[in-house]
Amino acid sequence: MSDTQHLVDFVGGAVGHRLRAGEGRGQALPKAAGFARGFTPKIVDSTAGLGRDAFLLASLGAEVTLIERSPDMFEALRAGLERAKTEGGRYAEIVSRMTLLHGDSIALLPELSPEVVVVDPMHPPRHNSALVKKEMRVLRELVGADPDSRELMTIALRCAQKRVVLKWPLRAAPMDGIVKPSHQILGKSTRYDVFVIPHPAG
């Protein structure tokens, strides 16, 4: 566990820098998740990983439920949340909006009736794997592949009340076997495929 004990850091590193920089709702992920003037969605991060996206969304006021099925990754997240809570101030206020669950999103999502679901499957290693950051290599070792990501997307699309956001490599082909996204929001190396859930008339 020594490698993973401080893998999740909401106070220092890139996460703390992003928070201190004050980047807001204009970023790609909040826009994809449906943040709007006067509206802050309730979000389930169905593939919590390092928790960075969930922390960003919570820092903008959203209530975020994180689901992680890897026991080691769950413990790293739990420890990271506890450290942020102990830090106090704004960090404690942000993590007070984050709820961590241990389990499989495919089983848990139907019980949660989420407004918005974020899905960020573990992607295949890039060819230039030497350039992949150590923390991402550790994460991959802990979490493994996500062979059931299509099933997760299917469940998310069935359970979400407002929208599903699929975080996907910028130039990757669309995920097989699911409906076409309503629209896409492009980042530097990532894109967000957004699936707005239609509501029956009347």
Protein backbone atom coordinates (compact mmCIF):
# COMPACT_ATOMS: atom_id res chain seq x y z
CA MET A 1 0.00 0.00 0.00
CA SER A 2 3.01 2.33 0.32
CA ASP A 3 2.85 3.21 -3.38
CA THR A 4 -0.82 4.07 -3.14
CA GLN A 5 -1.06 5.69 0.28
CA HIS A 6 -0.55 9.22 -1.03
CA LEU A 7 -1.61 8.60 -4.62
CA VAL A 8 -4.75 10.67 -4.07
CA ASP A 9 -3.83 14.25 -3.14
CA PHE A 10 -6.55 16.89 -3.18
CA VAL A 11 -4.45 19.52 -1.40
CA GLY A 12 -1.11 19.58 -3.22
CA GLY A 13 0.04 18.85 -6.75
CA ALA A 14 -2.06 19.41 -9.85
CA VAL A 15 -5.38 19.34 -8.01
CA GLY A 16 -4.43 21.99 -5.49
CA HIS A 17 -2.90 24.12 -8.25
CA ARG A 18 -6.06 23.92 -10.33
CA LEU A 19 -8.14 24.91 -7.32
CA ARG A 20 -5.88 27.85 -6.46
CA ALA A 21 -5.89 28.96 -10.10
CA GLY A 22 -9.64 29.37 -9.77
CA GLU A 23 -10.56 27.74 -13.07
CA GLY A 24 -14.33 27.66 -13.11
CA ARG A 25 -17.42 26.42 -14.84
CA GLY A 26 -16.07 27.31 -18.28
CA GLN A 27 -13.82 24.23 -18.30
CA ALA A 28 -14.73 21.37 -20.61
CA LEU A 29 -15.88 18.89 -17.94
CA PRO A 30 -18.28 21.22 -16.06
CA LYS A 31 -19.75 22.32 -19.41
CA ALA A 32 -20.18 18.69 -20.42
CA ALA A 33 -21.80 17.87 -17.06
CA GLY A 34 -24.42 20.57 -17.60
CA PHE A 35 -23.37 23.31 -15.20
CA ALA A 36 -25.31 26.44 -16.09
CA ARG A 37 -26.16 29.79 -14.58
CA GLY A 38 -28.41 29.01 -11.65
CA PHE A 39 -28.09 25.23 -12.05
CA THR A 40 -25.59 22.89 -10.41
CA PRO A 41 -26.19 19.19 -11.17
CA LYS A 42 -25.95 16.28 -8.77
CA ILE A 43 -23.32 13.98 -10.21
CA VAL A 44 -22.20 10.37 -9.90
CA ASP A 45 -18.58 9.74 -10.93
CA SER A 46 -18.97 6.08 -11.79
CA THR A 47 -15.24 5.41 -12.29
CA ALA A 48 -13.69 7.51 -9.53
CA GLY A 49 -10.01 6.65 -10.06
CA LEU A 50 -7.81 9.40 -8.58
CA GLY A 51 -10.88 11.48 -7.75
CA ARG A 52 -9.62 14.59 -9.54
CA ASP A 53 -12.63 15.13 -11.77
CA ALA A 54 -14.98 14.59 -8.82
CA PHE A 55 -13.02 17.12 -6.74
CA LEU A 56 -13.17 19.68 -9.54
CA LEU A 57 -16.94 19.26 -9.87
CA ALA A 58 -17.41 19.44 -6.09
CA SER A 59 -15.26 22.60 -5.96
CA LEU A 60 -17.81 24.21 -8.28
CA GLY A 61 -20.64 23.38 -5.89
CA ALA A 62 -21.88 20.02 -7.11
CA GLU A 63 -22.78 17.15 -4.81
CA VAL A 64 -20.70 14.27 -6.17
CA THR A 65 -20.94 10.57 -5.42
CA LEU A 66 -17.73 8.68 -6.26
CA ILE A 67 -17.92 4.96 -6.97
CA GLU A 68 -14.71 2.88 -6.97
CA ARG A 69 -14.58 -0.90 -7.16
CA SER A 70 -10.85 -1.46 -6.63
CA PRO A 71 -10.34 -2.02 -2.87
CA ASP A 72 -6.87 -0.42 -2.90
CA MET A 73 -8.01 2.56 -4.94
CA PHE A 74 -11.03 2.98 -2.67
CA GLU A 75 -8.71 3.09 0.37
CA ALA A 76 -6.45 5.64 -1.34
CA LEU A 77 -9.48 7.82 -2.10
CA ARG A 78 -10.78 7.46 1.45
CA ALA A 79 -7.40 8.52 2.85
CA GLY A 80 -7.15 11.45 0.41
CA LEU A 81 -10.60 12.71 1.38
CA GLU A 82 -9.71 12.42 5.06
CA ARG A 83 -6.50 14.42 4.56
CA ALA A 84 -8.41 17.15 2.71
CA LYS A 85 -11.00 17.24 5.49
CA THR A 86 -8.21 17.59 8.09
CA GLU A 87 -6.68 20.43 6.06
CA GLY A 88 -9.82 22.40 6.85
CA GLY A 89 -10.97 25.58 5.16
CA ARG A 90 -12.02 25.37 1.55
CA TYR A 91 -10.70 21.82 1.17
CA ALA A 92 -12.92 20.53 3.96
CA GLU A 93 -15.89 22.39 2.53
CA ILE A 94 -15.35 20.83 -0.92
CA VAL A 95 -14.95 17.24 0.29
CA SER A 96 -18.08 17.63 2.44
CA ARG A 97 -19.94 17.48 -0.90
CA MET A 98 -18.17 14.25 -1.93
CA THR A 99 -19.60 10.85 -0.97
CA LEU A 100 -17.39 7.80 -1.58
CA LEU A 101 -18.92 4.38 -2.24
CA HIS A 102 -17.10 1.06 -2.66
CA GLY A 103 -18.67 -1.17 -5.25
CA ASP A 104 -19.48 -1.76 -8.91
CA SER A 105 -21.27 1.10 -10.65
CA ILE A 106 -23.18 -1.36 -12.81
CA ALA A 107 -24.90 -2.62 -9.66
CA LEU A 108 -25.05 0.69 -7.77
CA LEU A 109 -26.27 3.16 -10.41
CA PRO A 110 -29.84 1.79 -10.57
CA GLU A 111 -30.17 2.47 -6.82
CA LEU A 112 -28.94 6.08 -7.04
CA SER A 113 -31.21 7.73 -9.67
CA PRO A 114 -28.42 10.17 -10.59
CA GLU A 115 -29.02 13.40 -12.48
CA VAL A 116 -25.67 13.19 -14.28
CA VAL A 117 -23.29 10.24 -14.63
CA VAL A 118 -19.62 10.66 -15.60
CA VAL A 119 -17.94 7.59 -17.11
CA ASP A 120 -14.16 7.56 -17.56
CA PRO A 121 -13.09 4.00 -18.43
CA MET A 122 -9.47 2.91 -18.18
CA HIS A 123 -8.16 3.34 -21.72
CA PRO A 124 -5.56 1.10 -23.41
CA PRO A 125 -1.95 2.21 -22.76
CA ARG A 126 -0.63 4.73 -25.24
CA HIS A 127 2.21 3.63 -27.51
CA ASN A 128 4.54 6.12 -25.84
CA SER A 129 3.93 4.42 -22.50
CA ALA A 130 7.28 5.66 -21.17
CA LEU A 131 5.73 9.13 -21.13
CA VAL A 132 2.70 8.09 -19.10
CA LYS A 133 3.02 9.52 -15.61
CA LYS A 134 3.96 7.14 -12.82
CA GLU A 135 0.70 7.82 -11.00
CA MET A 136 -1.27 6.71 -14.06
CA ARG A 137 0.78 3.51 -14.28
CA VAL A 138 0.06 2.81 -10.61
CA LEU A 139 -3.62 3.55 -11.18
CA ARG A 140 -3.72 1.14 -14.12
CA GLU A 141 -2.09 -1.58 -11.99
CA LEU A 142 -4.66 -1.05 -9.22
CA VAL A 143 -7.78 -0.68 -11.31
CA GLY A 144 -6.95 -2.92 -14.26
CA ALA A 145 -8.77 -2.82 -17.58
CA ASP A 146 -12.44 -1.99 -17.90
CA PRO A 147 -13.76 -4.75 -20.19
CA ASP A 148 -17.33 -3.99 -19.08
CA SER A 149 -17.24 -0.27 -19.95
CA ARG A 150 -19.91 -0.70 -22.62
CA GLU A 151 -22.22 -2.37 -20.10
CA LEU A 152 -21.53 0.48 -17.67
CA MET A 153 -22.45 3.04 -20.35
CA THR A 154 -25.66 1.16 -21.13
CA ILE A 155 -26.65 1.18 -17.44
CA ALA A 156 -25.67 4.84 -17.07
CA LEU A 157 -27.81 5.83 -20.06
CA ARG A 158 -30.73 3.91 -18.56
CA CYS A 159 -30.37 5.40 -15.05
CA ALA A 160 -29.32 9.03 -15.57
CA GLN A 161 -32.10 11.60 -15.35
CA LYS A 162 -30.43 14.41 -17.30
CA ARG A 163 -27.21 13.35 -19.05
CA VAL A 164 -24.26 10.97 -19.27
CA VAL A 165 -20.75 12.21 -19.95
CA LEU A 166 -18.20 9.79 -21.44
CA LYS A 167 -14.59 10.94 -21.05
CA TRP A 168 -12.69 9.56 -24.03
CA PRO A 169 -9.34 10.02 -25.80
CA LEU A 170 -9.56 12.94 -28.23
CA ARG A 171 -8.95 11.00 -31.43
CA ALA A 172 -10.38 7.60 -30.43
CA ALA A 173 -13.27 6.09 -32.35
CA PRO A 174 -16.67 6.27 -30.61
CA MET A 175 -17.46 3.49 -28.14
CA ASP A 176 -19.03 0.58 -30.00
CA GLY A 177 -22.59 -0.48 -29.34
CA ILE A 178 -24.05 2.67 -27.80
CA VAL A 179 -26.14 5.49 -29.19
CA LYS A 180 -24.54 8.49 -30.84
CA PRO A 181 -23.79 11.36 -28.41
CA SER A 182 -25.92 14.50 -28.47
CA HIS A 183 -22.75 16.57 -28.78
CA GLN A 184 -19.04 16.58 -27.95
CA ILE A 185 -16.81 18.99 -26.06
CA LEU A 186 -13.15 18.81 -27.05
CA GLY A 187 -10.15 19.33 -24.77
CA LYS A 188 -6.44 19.17 -25.54
CA SER A 189 -6.05 15.38 -25.32
CA THR A 190 -9.51 14.35 -24.16
CA ARG A 191 -13.03 14.76 -25.44
CA TYR A 192 -16.33 14.53 -23.63
CA ASP A 193 -19.12 12.70 -25.45
CA VAL A 194 -22.33 14.10 -23.98
CA PHE A 195 -25.57 12.11 -24.04
CA VAL A 196 -28.55 14.28 -23.10
CA ILE A 197 -31.38 12.09 -21.84
CA PRO A 198 -34.64 12.76 -23.69
CA HIS A 199 -37.74 13.14 -21.57
CA PRO A 200 -41.12 11.94 -22.81
CA ALA A 201 -43.47 14.72 -23.82
CA GLY A 202 -46.12 15.53 -21.23
